[in-house]
Amino acid sequence: MNNNNKNLALARFITSFGSMNNYKSSVLQTKRVLDNEVGAKLPKNDTAILYDALDGISAIEDKGFNSNGIIAVFETHLTLPTIVLVYISEVTSHIKKKQSTTPIHVIN
């Protein structure tokens, strides 16, 4: 998966679970920030959610999806609900597979 597709998948993920925390930015706005486009910005609340998600994903990639990884995610001071751990696990596995097109499903 090239970086453009990876950022699109990540933007979809962030807007999906972010909607549970009043995330208002679109997939395109989020992708532009992930692509580091000049002038791309998100509202303050959305920026916090975006960076919390990226920190959580990094923690899981670093520690693995196990008790140490979960502790590391909570140490990032996430502003998101606990359910984000499930999403992070799914996205991390999708990114690592690099060929998966399976959509991420919302857990109620």
PDB file of N, CA and C in Angstrom:
ATOM      1  N   MET A   1       0.859  -1.173   0.000  1.00  0.00           N
ATOM      2  CA  MET A   1       0.000   0.000   0.000  1.00  0.00           C
ATOM      3  C   MET A   1       0.903   1.232   0.000  1.00  0.00           C
ATOM      4  N   ASN A   2       0.726   2.108  -0.994  1.00  0.00           N
ATOM      5  CA  ASN A   2       1.562   3.298  -1.022  1.00  0.00           C
ATOM      6  C   ASN A   2       1.106   4.284   0.049  1.00  0.00           C
ATOM      7  N   ASN A   3       1.924   5.298   0.277  1.00  0.00           N
ATOM      8  CA  ASN A   3       1.661   6.250   1.361  1.00  0.00           C
ATOM      9  C   ASN A   3       0.351   6.996   1.152  1.00  0.00           C
ATOM     10  N   ASN A   4       0.002   7.295  -0.113  1.00  0.00           N
ATOM     11  CA  ASN A   4      -1.253   7.995  -0.405  1.00  0.00           C
ATOM     12  C   ASN A   4      -2.453   7.155   0.036  1.00  0.00           C
ATOM     13  N   ASN A   5      -2.445   5.854  -0.309  1.00  0.00           N
ATOM     14  CA  ASN A   5      -3.545   4.967   0.097  1.00  0.00           C
ATOM     15  C   ASN A   5      -3.542   4.732   1.600  1.00  0.00           C
ATOM     16  N   LYS A   6      -2.347   4.643   2.192  1.00  0.00           N
ATOM     17  CA  LYS A   6      -2.245   4.444   3.641  1.00  0.00           C
ATOM     18  C   LYS A   6      -2.865   5.633   4.374  1.00  0.00           C
ATOM     19  N   ASN A   7      -2.554   6.845   3.926  1.00  0.00           N
ATOM     20  CA  ASN A   7      -3.115   8.028   4.578  1.00  0.00           C
ATOM     21  C   ASN A   7      -4.614   8.143   4.356  1.00  0.00           C
ATOM     22  N   LEU A   8      -5.104   7.702   3.203  1.00  0.00           N
ATOM     23  CA  LEU A   8      -6.543   7.718   2.961  1.00  0.00           C
ATOM     24  C   LEU A   8      -7.246   6.744   3.908  1.00  0.00           C
ATOM     25  N   ALA A   9      -6.686   5.537   4.054  1.00  0.00           N
ATOM     26  CA  ALA A   9      -7.265   4.550   4.974  1.00  0.00           C
ATOM     27  C   ALA A   9      -7.217   5.065   6.412  1.00  0.00           C
ATOM     28  N   LEU A  10      -6.112   5.680   6.777  1.00  0.00           N
ATOM     29  CA  LEU A  10      -5.972   6.221   8.126  1.00  0.00           C
ATOM     30  C   LEU A  10      -6.951   7.376   8.348  1.00  0.00           C
ATOM     31  N   ALA A  11      -7.146   8.217   7.350  1.00  0.00           N
ATOM     32  CA  ALA A  11      -8.102   9.332   7.466  1.00  0.00           C
ATOM     33  C   ALA A  11      -9.521   8.799   7.637  1.00  0.00           C
ATOM     34  N   ARG A  12      -9.863   7.748   6.898  1.00  0.00           N
ATOM     35  CA  ARG A  12     -11.193   7.145   7.054  1.00  0.00           C
ATOM     36  C   ARG A  12     -11.367   6.589   8.462  1.00  0.00           C
ATOM     37  N   PHE A  13     -10.346   5.919   8.951  1.00  0.00           N
ATOM     38  CA  PHE A  13     -10.367   5.355  10.299  1.00  0.00           C
ATOM     39  C   PHE A  13     -10.566   6.451  11.347  1.00  0.00           C
ATOM     40  N   ILE A  14      -9.790   7.513  11.243  1.00  0.00           N
ATOM     41  CA  ILE A  14      -9.845   8.582  12.238  1.00  0.00           C
ATOM     42  C   ILE A  14     -11.202   9.292  12.207  1.00  0.00           C
ATOM     43  N   THR A  15     -11.728   9.554  11.026  1.00  0.00           N
ATOM     44  CA  THR A  15     -13.034  10.215  10.970  1.00  0.00           C
ATOM     45  C   THR A  15     -14.143   9.294  11.465  1.00  0.00           C
ATOM     46  N   SER A  16     -13.987   7.994  11.252  1.00  0.00           N
ATOM     47  CA  SER A  16     -14.997   7.039  11.710  1.00  0.00           C
ATOM     48  C   SER A  16     -15.058   6.974  13.227  1.00  0.00           C
ATOM     49  N   PHE A  17     -13.943   6.645  13.873  1.00  0.00           N
ATOM     50  CA  PHE A  17     -14.010   6.535  15.330  1.00  0.00           C
ATOM     51  C   PHE A  17     -14.030   7.902  15.994  1.00  0.00           C
ATOM     52  N   GLY A  18     -13.489   8.902  15.328  1.00  0.00           N
ATOM     53  CA  GLY A  18     -13.524  10.249  15.884  1.00  0.00           C
ATOM     54  C   GLY A  18     -14.932  10.796  15.992  1.00  0.00           C
ATOM     55  N   SER A  19     -15.821  10.290  15.133  1.00  0.00           N
ATOM     56  CA  SER A  19     -17.206  10.761  15.182  1.00  0.00           C
ATOM     57  C   SER A  19     -17.856  10.450  16.524  1.00  0.00           C
ATOM     58  N   MET A  20     -17.332   9.464  17.251  1.00  0.00           N
ATOM     59  CA  MET A  20     -17.855   9.160  18.586  1.00  0.00           C
ATOM     60  C   MET A  20     -17.473  10.234  19.596  1.00  0.00           C
ATOM     61  N   ASN A  21     -16.511  11.078  19.220  1.00  0.00           N
ATOM     62  CA  ASN A  21     -16.061  12.165  20.088  1.00  0.00           C
ATOM     63  C   ASN A  21     -16.214  13.518  19.429  1.00  0.00           C
ATOM     64  N   ASN A  22     -17.261  13.656  18.595  1.00  0.00           N
ATOM     65  CA  ASN A  22     -17.574  14.936  17.985  1.00  0.00           C
ATOM     66  C   ASN A  22     -16.507  15.414  17.003  1.00  0.00           C
ATOM     67  N   TYR A  23     -15.804  14.484  16.356  1.00  0.00           N
ATOM     68  CA  TYR A  23     -14.840  14.819  15.302  1.00  0.00           C
ATOM     69  C   TYR A  23     -15.633  15.310  14.109  1.00  0.00           C
ATOM     70  N   LYS A  24     -15.338  16.499  13.617  1.00  0.00           N
ATOM     71  CA  LYS A  24     -16.158  17.118  12.586  1.00  0.00           C
ATOM     72  C   LYS A  24     -15.481  17.214  11.223  1.00  0.00           C
ATOM     73  N   SER A  25     -14.186  17.016  11.149  1.00  0.00           N
ATOM     74  CA  SER A  25     -13.473  17.159   9.886  1.00  0.00           C
ATOM     75  C   SER A  25     -13.808  16.012   8.934  1.00  0.00           C
ATOM     76  N   SER A  26     -13.718  16.293   7.649  1.00  0.00           N
ATOM     77  CA  SER A  26     -14.003  15.279   6.632  1.00  0.00           C
ATOM     78  C   SER A  26     -12.796  14.367   6.422  1.00  0.00           C
ATOM     79  N   VAL A  27     -13.017  13.294   5.699  1.00  0.00           N
ATOM     80  CA  VAL A  27     -11.922  12.390   5.335  1.00  0.00           C
ATOM     81  C   VAL A  27     -10.872  13.164   4.543  1.00  0.00           C
ATOM     82  N   LEU A  28     -11.309  13.982   3.592  1.00  0.00           N
ATOM     83  CA  LEU A  28     -10.372  14.739   2.761  1.00  0.00           C
ATOM     84  C   LEU A  28      -9.559  15.728   3.599  1.00  0.00           C
ATOM     85  N   GLN A  29     -10.204  16.450   4.513  1.00  0.00           N
ATOM     86  CA  GLN A  29      -9.470  17.384   5.377  1.00  0.00           C
ATOM     87  C   GLN A  29      -8.436  16.639   6.217  1.00  0.00           C
ATOM     88  N   THR A  30      -8.830  15.504   6.759  1.00  0.00           N
ATOM     89  CA  THR A  30      -7.926  14.716   7.602  1.00  0.00           C
ATOM     90  C   THR A  30      -6.762  14.189   6.777  1.00  0.00           C
ATOM     91  N   LYS A  31      -7.056  13.695   5.577  1.00  0.00           N
ATOM     92  CA  LYS A  31      -5.995  13.174   4.706  1.00  0.00           C
ATOM     93  C   LYS A  31      -4.999  14.268   4.353  1.00  0.00           C
ATOM     94  N   ARG A  32      -5.489  15.462   4.083  1.00  0.00           N
ATOM     95  CA  ARG A  32      -4.588  16.569   3.738  1.00  0.00           C
ATOM     96  C   ARG A  32      -3.608  16.865   4.873  1.00  0.00           C
ATOM     97  N   VAL A  33      -4.094  16.790   6.112  1.00  0.00           N
ATOM     98  CA  VAL A  33      -3.205  16.996   7.260  1.00  0.00           C
ATOM     99  C   VAL A  33      -2.197  15.858   7.345  1.00  0.00           C
ATOM    100  N   LEU A  34      -2.665  14.614   7.166  1.00  0.00           N
ATOM    101  CA  LEU A  34      -1.759  13.461   7.209  1.00  0.00           C
ATOM    102  C   LEU A  34      -0.718  13.522   6.097  1.00  0.00           C
ATOM    103  N   ASP A  35      -1.095  14.092   4.948  1.00  0.00           N
ATOM    104  CA  ASP A  35      -0.165  14.252   3.824  1.00  0.00           C
ATOM    105  C   ASP A  35       0.760  15.455   4.001  1.00  0.00           C
ATOM    106  N   ASN A  36       0.583  16.198   5.088  1.00  0.00           N
ATOM    107  CA  ASN A  36       1.378  17.405   5.363  1.00  0.00           C
ATOM    108  C   ASN A  36       1.242  18.458   4.269  1.00  0.00           C
ATOM    109  N   GLU A  37       0.026  18.604   3.725  1.00  0.00           N
ATOM    110  CA  GLU A  37      -0.200  19.620   2.702  1.00  0.00           C
ATOM    111  C   GLU A  37      -0.075  21.008   3.317  1.00  0.00           C
ATOM    112  N   VAL A  38       0.526  21.908   2.573  1.00  0.00           N
ATOM    113  CA  VAL A  38       0.689  23.286   3.030  1.00  0.00           C
ATOM    114  C   VAL A  38      -0.686  23.904   3.265  1.00  0.00           C
ATOM    115  N   GLY A  39      -0.865  24.498   4.416  1.00  0.00           N
ATOM    116  CA  GLY A  39      -2.104  25.172   4.757  1.00  0.00           C
ATOM    117  C   GLY A  39      -3.204  24.270   5.296  1.00  0.00           C
ATOM    118  N   ALA A  40      -2.985  22.955   5.313  1.00  0.00           N
ATOM    119  CA  ALA A  40      -4.009  22.030   5.822  1.00  0.00           C
ATOM    120  C   ALA A  40      -4.098  22.162   7.337  1.00  0.00           C
ATOM    121  N   LYS A  41      -5.309  22.379   7.838  1.00  0.00           N
ATOM    122  CA  LYS A  41      -5.520  22.531   9.279  1.00  0.00           C
ATOM    123  C   LYS A  41      -6.825  21.857   9.668  1.00  0.00           C
ATOM    124  N   LEU A  42      -6.902  21.494  10.931  1.00  0.00           N
ATOM    125  CA  LEU A  42      -8.125  20.944  11.512  1.00  0.00           C
ATOM    126  C   LEU A  42      -8.508  21.805  12.707  1.00  0.00           C
ATOM    127  N   PRO A  43      -9.775  21.795  13.087  1.00  0.00           N
ATOM    128  CA  PRO A  43     -10.156  22.474  14.336  1.00  0.00           C
ATOM    129  C   PRO A  43      -9.387  21.880  15.515  1.00  0.00           C
ATOM    130  N   LYS A  44      -9.257  22.661  16.567  1.00  0.00           N
ATOM    131  CA  LYS A  44      -8.462  22.258  17.735  1.00  0.00           C
ATOM    132  C   LYS A  44      -8.885  20.896  18.293  1.00  0.00           C
ATOM    133  N   ASN A  45     -10.183  20.657  18.475  1.00  0.00           N
ATOM    134  CA  ASN A  45     -10.665  19.382  19.008  1.00  0.00           C
ATOM    135  C   ASN A  45     -10.283  18.228  18.082  1.00  0.00           C
ATOM    136  N   ASP A  46     -10.447  18.437  16.773  1.00  0.00           N
ATOM    137  CA  ASP A  46     -10.116  17.385  15.814  1.00  0.00           C
ATOM    138  C   ASP A  46      -8.615  17.109  15.789  1.00  0.00           C
ATOM    139  N   THR A  47      -7.821  18.156  15.931  1.00  0.00           N
ATOM    140  CA  THR A  47      -6.369  17.977  15.964  1.00  0.00           C
ATOM    141  C   THR A  47      -5.955  17.108  17.154  1.00  0.00           C
ATOM    142  N   ALA A  48      -6.574  17.343  18.306  1.00  0.00           N
ATOM    143  CA  ALA A  48      -6.267  16.536  19.494  1.00  0.00           C
ATOM    144  C   ALA A  48      -6.631  15.075  19.265  1.00  0.00           C
ATOM    145  N   ILE A  49      -7.789  14.822  18.663  1.00  0.00           N
ATOM    146  CA  ILE A  49      -8.209  13.450  18.392  1.00  0.00           C
ATOM    147  C   ILE A  49      -7.268  12.793  17.398  1.00  0.00           C
ATOM    148  N   LEU A  50      -6.900  13.520  16.341  1.00  0.00           N
ATOM    149  CA  LEU A  50      -5.975  12.996  15.335  1.00  0.00           C
ATOM    150  C   LEU A  50      -4.652  12.580  15.975  1.00  0.00           C
ATOM    151  N   TYR A  51      -4.064  13.465  16.757  1.00  0.00           N
ATOM    152  CA  TYR A  51      -2.767  13.145  17.359  1.00  0.00           C
ATOM    153  C   TYR A  51      -2.861  12.056  18.422  1.00  0.00           C
ATOM    154  N   ASP A  52      -3.967  12.015  19.146  1.00  0.00           N
ATOM    155  CA  ASP A  52      -4.160  10.911  20.091  1.00  0.00           C
ATOM    156  C   ASP A  52      -4.222   9.581  19.352  1.00  0.00           C
ATOM    157  N   ALA A  53      -4.923   9.552  18.226  1.00  0.00           N
ATOM    158  CA  ALA A  53      -5.014   8.316  17.435  1.00  0.00           C
ATOM    159  C   ALA A  53      -3.640   7.905  16.928  1.00  0.00           C
ATOM    160  N   LEU A  54      -2.879   8.859  16.407  1.00  0.00           N
ATOM    161  CA  LEU A  54      -1.542   8.543  15.904  1.00  0.00           C
ATOM    162  C   LEU A  54      -0.617   8.060  17.023  1.00  0.00           C
ATOM    163  N   ASP A  55      -0.722   8.688  18.189  1.00  0.00           N
ATOM    164  CA  ASP A  55       0.075   8.243  19.347  1.00  0.00           C
ATOM    165  C   ASP A  55      -0.327   6.830  19.770  1.00  0.00           C
ATOM    166  N   GLY A  56      -1.636   6.557  19.777  1.00  0.00           N
ATOM    167  CA  GLY A  56      -2.113   5.224  20.138  1.00  0.00           C
ATOM    168  C   GLY A  56      -1.643   4.163  19.161  1.00  0.00           C
ATOM    169  N   ILE A  57      -1.705   4.463  17.871  1.00  0.00           N
ATOM    170  CA  ILE A  57      -1.236   3.519  16.848  1.00  0.00           C
ATOM    171  C   ILE A  57       0.257   3.265  17.012  1.00  0.00           C
ATOM    172  N   SER A  58       1.023   4.323  17.252  1.00  0.00           N
ATOM    173  CA  SER A  58       2.470   4.159  17.464  1.00  0.00           C
ATOM    174  C   SER A  58       2.767   3.287  18.675  1.00  0.00           C
ATOM    175  N   ALA A  59       2.008   3.484  19.740  1.00  0.00           N
ATOM    176  CA  ALA A  59       2.211   2.685  20.950  1.00  0.00           C
ATOM    177  C   ALA A  59       1.943   1.210  20.677  1.00  0.00           C
ATOM    178  N   ILE A  60       0.870   0.915  19.939  1.00  0.00           N
ATOM    179  CA  ILE A  60       0.543  -0.474  19.617  1.00  0.00           C
ATOM    180  C   ILE A  60       1.594  -1.068  18.682  1.00  0.00           C
ATOM    181  N   GLU A  61       2.039  -0.300  17.699  1.00  0.00           N
ATOM    182  CA  GLU A  61       3.074  -0.797  16.788  1.00  0.00           C
ATOM    183  C   GLU A  61       4.371  -1.068  17.540  1.00  0.00           C
ATOM    184  N   ASP A  62       4.672  -0.229  18.517  1.00  0.00           N
ATOM    185  CA  ASP A  62       5.905  -0.380  19.284  1.00  0.00           C
ATOM    186  C   ASP A  62       5.833  -1.541  20.279  1.00  0.00           C
ATOM    187  N   LYS A  63       4.737  -1.633  21.004  1.00  0.00           N
ATOM    188  CA  LYS A  63       4.618  -2.607  22.093  1.00  0.00           C
ATOM    189  C   LYS A  63       3.865  -3.874  21.707  1.00  0.00           C
ATOM    190  N   GLY A  64       3.062  -3.802  20.635  1.00  0.00           N
ATOM    191  CA  GLY A  64       2.218  -4.935  20.256  1.00  0.00           C
ATOM    192  C   GLY A  64       0.844  -4.792  20.884  1.00  0.00           C
ATOM    193  N   PHE A  65      -0.105  -5.546  20.349  1.00  0.00           N
ATOM    194  CA  PHE A  65      -1.460  -5.472  20.907  1.00  0.00           C
ATOM    195  C   PHE A  65      -1.559  -6.494  22.024  1.00  0.00           C
ATOM    196  N   ASN A  66      -1.037  -6.130  23.170  1.00  0.00           N
ATOM    197  CA  ASN A  66      -1.027  -6.968  24.366  1.00  0.00           C
ATOM    198  C   ASN A  66      -1.172  -6.034  25.570  1.00  0.00           C
ATOM    199  N   SER A  67      -0.989  -6.558  26.764  1.00  0.00           N
ATOM    200  CA  SER A  67      -1.184  -5.710  27.950  1.00  0.00           C
ATOM    201  C   SER A  67      -0.219  -4.529  27.959  1.00  0.00           C
ATOM    202  N   ASN A  68       1.028  -4.731  27.530  1.00  0.00           N
ATOM    203  CA  ASN A  68       1.980  -3.612  27.491  1.00  0.00           C
ATOM    204  C   ASN A  68       1.546  -2.553  26.483  1.00  0.00           C
ATOM    205  N   GLY A  69       1.020  -2.998  25.343  1.00  0.00           N
ATOM    206  CA  GLY A  69       0.539  -2.058  24.341  1.00  0.00           C
ATOM    207  C   GLY A  69      -0.652  -1.270  24.827  1.00  0.00           C
ATOM    208  N   ILE A  70      -1.569  -1.933  25.495  1.00  0.00           N
ATOM    209  CA  ILE A  70      -2.757  -1.248  26.016  1.00  0.00           C
ATOM    210  C   ILE A  70      -2.356  -0.222  27.068  1.00  0.00           C
ATOM    211  N   ILE A  71      -1.441  -0.581  27.938  1.00  0.00           N
ATOM    212  CA  ILE A  71      -0.942   0.363  28.942  1.00  0.00           C
ATOM    213  C   ILE A  71      -0.289   1.551  28.256  1.00  0.00           C
ATOM    214  N   ALA A  72       0.492   1.284  27.214  1.00  0.00           N
ATOM    215  CA  ALA A  72       1.156   2.370  26.476  1.00  0.00           C
ATOM    216  C   ALA A  72       0.140   3.300  25.826  1.00  0.00           C
ATOM    217  N   VAL A  73      -0.959   2.741  25.314  1.00  0.00           N
ATOM    218  CA  VAL A  73      -2.002   3.575  24.713  1.00  0.00           C
ATOM    219  C   VAL A  73      -2.596   4.505  25.772  1.00  0.00           C
ATOM    220  N   PHE A  74      -2.898   3.975  26.946  1.00  0.00           N
ATOM    221  CA  PHE A  74      -3.467   4.816  27.990  1.00  0.00           C
ATOM    222  C   PHE A  74      -2.470   5.841  28.504  1.00  0.00           C
ATOM    223  N   GLU A  75      -1.186   5.545  28.421  1.00  0.00           N
ATOM    224  CA  GLU A  75      -0.168   6.508  28.838  1.00  0.00           C
ATOM    225  C   GLU A  75      -0.064   7.677  27.867  1.00  0.00           C
ATOM    226  N   THR A  76      -0.611   7.533  26.660  1.00  0.00           N
ATOM    227  CA  THR A  76      -0.597   8.646  25.706  1.00  0.00           C
ATOM    228  C   THR A  76      -1.663   9.683  26.039  1.00  0.00           C
ATOM    229  N   HIS A  77      -2.442   9.436  27.110  1.00  0.00           N
ATOM    230  CA  HIS A  77      -3.491  10.352  27.564  1.00  0.00           C
ATOM    231  C   HIS A  77      -4.546  10.564  26.490  1.00  0.00           C
ATOM    232  N   LEU A  78      -5.036   9.479  25.961  1.00  0.00           N
ATOM    233  CA  LEU A  78      -6.055   9.552  24.924  1.00  0.00           C
ATOM    234  C   LEU A  78      -7.301  10.282  25.409  1.00  0.00           C
ATOM    235  N   THR A  79      -7.855  11.079  24.534  1.00  0.00           N
ATOM    236  CA  THR A  79      -9.128  11.737  24.825  1.00  0.00           C
ATOM    237  C   THR A  79     -10.275  10.915  24.252  1.00  0.00           C
ATOM    238  N   LEU A  80      -9.954   9.746  23.720  1.00  0.00           N
ATOM    239  CA  LEU A  80     -10.937   8.906  23.060  1.00  0.00           C
ATOM    240  C   LEU A  80     -11.427   7.811  23.991  1.00  0.00           C
ATOM    241  N   PRO A  81     -12.582   7.230  23.683  1.00  0.00           N
ATOM    242  CA  PRO A  81     -13.088   6.140  24.515  1.00  0.00           C
ATOM    243  C   PRO A  81     -12.237   4.880  24.357  1.00  0.00           C
ATOM    244  N   THR A  82     -12.371   3.966  25.298  1.00  0.00           N
ATOM    245  CA  THR A  82     -11.611   2.722  25.309  1.00  0.00           C
ATOM    246  C   THR A  82     -11.791   1.918  24.028  1.00  0.00           C
ATOM    247  N   ILE A  83     -12.913   2.049  23.376  1.00  0.00           N
ATOM    248  CA  ILE A  83     -13.182   1.287  22.164  1.00  0.00           C
ATOM    249  C   ILE A  83     -12.136   1.542  21.085  1.00  0.00           C
ATOM    250  N   VAL A  84     -11.415   2.651  21.181  1.00  0.00           N
ATOM    251  CA  VAL A  84     -10.385   2.955  20.188  1.00  0.00           C
ATOM    252  C   VAL A  84      -9.328   1.851  20.128  1.00  0.00           C
ATOM    253  N   LEU A  85      -9.121   1.143  21.217  1.00  0.00           N
ATOM    254  CA  LEU A  85      -8.134   0.057  21.205  1.00  0.00           C
ATOM    255  C   LEU A  85      -8.492  -1.003  20.176  1.00  0.00           C
ATOM    256  N   VAL A  86      -9.755  -1.303  20.043  1.00  0.00           N
ATOM    257  CA  VAL A  86     -10.193  -2.286  19.058  1.00  0.00           C
ATOM    258  C   VAL A  86      -9.916  -1.767  17.657  1.00  0.00           C
ATOM    259  N   TYR A  87     -10.232  -0.515  17.426  1.00  0.00           N
ATOM    260  CA  TYR A  87      -9.988   0.073  16.110  1.00  0.00           C
ATOM    261  C   TYR A  87      -8.493   0.117  15.795  1.00  0.00           C
ATOM    262  N   ILE A  88      -7.692   0.526  16.759  1.00  0.00           N
ATOM    263  CA  ILE A  88      -6.251   0.587  16.541  1.00  0.00           C
ATOM    264  C   ILE A  88      -5.715  -0.788  16.175  1.00  0.00           C
ATOM    265  N   SER A  89      -6.191  -1.812  16.837  1.00  0.00           N
ATOM    266  CA  SER A  89      -5.773  -3.172  16.521  1.00  0.00           C
ATOM    267  C   SER A  89      -6.117  -3.522  15.079  1.00  0.00           C
ATOM    268  N   GLU A  90      -7.340  -3.202  14.654  1.00  0.00           N
ATOM    269  CA  GLU A  90      -7.756  -3.515  13.286  1.00  0.00           C
ATOM    270  C   GLU A  90      -6.954  -2.731  12.263  1.00  0.00           C
ATOM    271  N   VAL A  91      -6.786  -1.438  12.480  1.00  0.00           N
ATOM    272  CA  VAL A  91      -6.058  -0.615  11.518  1.00  0.00           C
ATOM    273  C   VAL A  91      -4.602  -1.048  11.427  1.00  0.00           C
ATOM    274  N   THR A  92      -3.996  -1.320  12.562  1.00  0.00           N
ATOM    275  CA  THR A  92      -2.607  -1.765  12.559  1.00  0.00           C
ATOM    276  C   THR A  92      -2.457  -3.041  11.752  1.00  0.00           C
ATOM    277  N   SER A  93      -3.364  -3.979  11.923  1.00  0.00           N
ATOM    278  CA  SER A  93      -3.268  -5.224  11.169  1.00  0.00           C
ATOM    279  C   SER A  93      -3.526  -4.977   9.687  1.00  0.00           C
ATOM    280  N   HIS A  94      -4.426  -4.066   9.333  1.00  0.00           N
ATOM    281  CA  HIS A  94      -4.686  -3.745   7.927  1.00  0.00           C
ATOM    282  C   HIS A  94      -3.462  -3.092   7.291  1.00  0.00           C
ATOM    283  N   ILE A  95      -2.824  -2.173   8.003  1.00  0.00           N
ATOM    284  CA  ILE A  95      -1.645  -1.494   7.475  1.00  0.00           C
ATOM    285  C   ILE A  95      -0.514  -2.499   7.276  1.00  0.00           C
ATOM    286  N   LYS A  96      -0.331  -3.400   8.224  1.00  0.00           N
ATOM    287  CA  LYS A  96       0.742  -4.387   8.117  1.00  0.00           C
ATOM    288  C   LYS A  96       0.499  -5.361   6.972  1.00  0.00           C
ATOM    289  N   LYS A  97      -0.745  -5.709   6.699  1.00  0.00           N
ATOM    290  CA  LYS A  97      -1.043  -6.629   5.597  1.00  0.00           C
ATOM    291  C   LYS A  97      -0.778  -5.983   4.246  1.00  0.00           C
ATOM    292  N   LYS A  98      -0.961  -4.690   4.138  1.00  0.00           N
ATOM    293  CA  LYS A  98      -0.710  -3.884   2.957  1.00  0.00           C
ATOM    294  C   LYS A  98      -1.505  -4.286   1.725  1.00  0.00           C
ATOM    295  N   GLN A  99      -2.310  -5.319   1.806  1.00  0.00           N
ATOM    296  CA  GLN A  99      -3.123  -5.668   0.653  1.00  0.00           C
ATOM    297  C   GLN A  99      -4.590  -5.760   1.007  1.00  0.00           C
ATOM    298  N   SER A 100      -4.921  -5.617   2.246  1.00  0.00           N
ATOM    299  CA  SER A 100      -6.309  -5.795   2.678  1.00  0.00           C
ATOM    300  C   SER A 100      -7.161  -4.602   2.246  1.00  0.00           C
ATOM    301  N   THR A 101      -8.354  -4.911   1.772  1.00  0.00           N
ATOM    302  CA  THR A 101      -9.326  -3.874   1.452  1.00  0.00           C
ATOM    303  C   THR A 101     -10.584  -4.045   2.291  1.00  0.00           C
ATOM    304  N   THR A 102     -10.510  -4.878   3.309  1.00  0.00           N
ATOM    305  CA  THR A 102     -11.654  -5.137   4.169  1.00  0.00           C
ATOM    306  C   THR A 102     -11.976  -3.872   4.961  1.00  0.00           C
ATOM    307  N   PRO A 103     -13.230  -3.403   4.917  1.00  0.00           N
ATOM    308  CA  PRO A 103     -13.573  -2.201   5.675  1.00  0.00           C
ATOM    309  C   PRO A 103     -13.547  -2.460   7.172  1.00  0.00           C
ATOM    310  N   ILE A 104     -13.305  -1.401   7.912  1.00  0.00           N
ATOM    311  CA  ILE A 104     -13.323  -1.472   9.363  1.00  0.00           C
ATOM    312  C   ILE A 104     -14.777  -1.307   9.794  1.00  0.00           C
ATOM    313  N   HIS A 105     -15.238  -2.182  10.648  1.00  0.00           N
ATOM    314  CA  HIS A 105     -16.630  -2.145  11.085  1.00  0.00           C
ATOM    315  C   HIS A 105     -16.750  -1.479  12.441  1.00  0.00           C
ATOM    316  N   VAL A 106     -17.799  -0.696  12.600  1.00  0.00           N
ATOM    317  CA  VAL A 106     -18.058  -0.010  13.861  1.00  0.00           C
ATOM    318  C   VAL A 106     -18.622  -1.005  14.857  1.00  0.00           C
ATOM    319  N   ILE A 107     -18.098  -0.969  16.071  1.00  0.00           N
ATOM    320  CA  ILE A 107     -18.586  -1.842  17.139  1.00  0.00           C
ATOM    321  C   ILE A 107     -19.501  -1.014  18.020  1.00  0.00           C
ATOM    322  N   ASN A 108     -20.705  -1.494  18.202  1.00  0.00           N
ATOM    323  CA  ASN A 108     -21.662  -0.753  19.034  1.00  0.00           C
ATOM    324  C   ASN A 108     -21.565  -1.170  20.464  1.00  0.00           C
TER     325      ASN A 108
END
